[in-house]
Amino acid sequence: MLVFGGLLLGLEVAEAWSWLSVAGFALMTPVYAVQGTRRLRTRRRPTARADRRA
């Protein structure tokens, strides 16, 4: 009975944490995507300016 109760409680807690991790992943994915595009744009700008001058 004690083992079953602990297993049931563990599953309930694990379910809550899994939903939190899914929500956190969904929120952080666009943030990292925006940061990545900004970094790529800053890396590409100097080469684009050099091409315009030549």
C-alpha atoms as a PDB file:
ATOM      1  CA  MET A   1       0.000   0.000   0.000  1.00  0.00           C
ATOM      2  CA  LEU A   2       2.798   2.407   0.888  1.00  0.00           C
ATOM      3  CA  VAL A   3       4.695   1.601  -2.313  1.00  0.00           C
ATOM      4  CA  PHE A   4       1.559   2.027  -4.415  1.00  0.00           C
ATOM      5  CA  GLY A   5       0.788   5.383  -2.767  1.00  0.00           C
ATOM      6  CA  GLY A   6       4.343   6.587  -3.353  1.00  0.00           C
ATOM      7  CA  LEU A   7       4.217   5.472  -6.977  1.00  0.00           C
ATOM      8  CA  LEU A   8       0.892   7.248  -7.513  1.00  0.00           C
ATOM      9  CA  LEU A   9       2.187  10.436  -5.894  1.00  0.00           C
ATOM     10  CA  GLY A  10       5.361  10.253  -7.967  1.00  0.00           C
ATOM     11  CA  LEU A  11       3.358   9.941 -11.173  1.00  0.00           C
ATOM     12  CA  GLU A  12       1.239  12.955 -10.241  1.00  0.00           C
ATOM     13  CA  VAL A  13       4.311  15.073  -9.550  1.00  0.00           C
ATOM     14  CA  ALA A  14       6.035  13.824 -12.694  1.00  0.00           C
ATOM     15  CA  GLU A  15       2.990  14.735 -14.770  1.00  0.00           C
ATOM     16  CA  ALA A  16       3.000  18.276 -13.401  1.00  0.00           C
ATOM     17  CA  TRP A  17       6.717  18.670 -14.095  1.00  0.00           C
ATOM     18  CA  SER A  18       6.343  17.277 -17.607  1.00  0.00           C
ATOM     19  CA  TRP A  19       3.687  19.885 -18.409  1.00  0.00           C
ATOM     20  CA  LEU A  20       5.909  22.618 -17.003  1.00  0.00           C
ATOM     21  CA  SER A  21       8.839  21.456 -19.122  1.00  0.00           C
ATOM     22  CA  VAL A  22       6.685  21.379 -22.264  1.00  0.00           C
ATOM     23  CA  ALA A  23       5.387  24.886 -21.550  1.00  0.00           C
ATOM     24  CA  GLY A  24       8.905  26.155 -20.852  1.00  0.00           C
ATOM     25  CA  PHE A  25      10.193  24.629 -24.073  1.00  0.00           C
ATOM     26  CA  ALA A  26       7.363  26.204 -26.050  1.00  0.00           C
ATOM     27  CA  LEU A  27       8.093  29.610 -24.531  1.00  0.00           C
ATOM     28  CA  MET A  28      11.881  29.502 -24.894  1.00  0.00           C
ATOM     29  CA  THR A  29      12.037  28.182 -28.473  1.00  0.00           C
ATOM     30  CA  PRO A  30      10.929  31.485 -30.088  1.00  0.00           C
ATOM     31  CA  VAL A  31      13.251  33.435 -27.790  1.00  0.00           C
ATOM     32  CA  TYR A  32      16.278  31.427 -28.882  1.00  0.00           C
ATOM     33  CA  ALA A  33      15.150  31.619 -32.523  1.00  0.00           C
ATOM     34  CA  VAL A  34      15.041  35.424 -32.367  1.00  0.00           C
ATOM     35  CA  GLN A  35      18.438  35.550 -30.681  1.00  0.00           C
ATOM     36  CA  GLY A  36      19.904  33.287 -33.344  1.00  0.00           C
ATOM     37  CA  THR A  37      18.562  35.378 -36.212  1.00  0.00           C
ATOM     38  CA  ARG A  38      19.901  38.557 -34.603  1.00  0.00           C
ATOM     39  CA  ARG A  39      23.341  37.006 -34.233  1.00  0.00           C
ATOM     40  CA  LEU A  40      23.322  35.830 -37.832  1.00  0.00           C
ATOM     41  CA  ARG A  41      22.319  39.278 -39.045  1.00  0.00           C
ATOM     42  CA  THR A  42      25.120  40.952 -37.115  1.00  0.00           C
ATOM     43  CA  ARG A  43      27.635  38.510 -38.583  1.00  0.00           C
ATOM     44  CA  ARG A  44      26.414  39.067 -42.153  1.00  0.00           C
ATOM     45  CA  ARG A  45      26.309  42.863 -42.075  1.00  0.00           C
ATOM     46  CA  PRO A  46      30.067  43.553 -42.344  1.00  0.00           C
ATOM     47  CA  THR A  47      30.439  41.266 -45.366  1.00  0.00           C
ATOM     48  CA  ALA A  48      27.458  42.870 -47.094  1.00  0.00           C
ATOM     49  CA  ARG A  49      28.952  46.342 -46.563  1.00  0.00           C
ATOM     50  CA  ALA A  50      32.291  45.201 -47.949  1.00  0.00           C
ATOM     51  CA  ASP A  51      30.576  43.902 -51.085  1.00  0.00           C
ATOM     52  CA  ARG A  52      28.834  47.226 -51.652  1.00  0.00           C
ATOM     53  CA  ARG A  53      32.085  49.203 -51.454  1.00  0.00           C
ATOM     54  CA  ALA A  54      33.865  47.005 -53.994  1.00  0.00           C
END
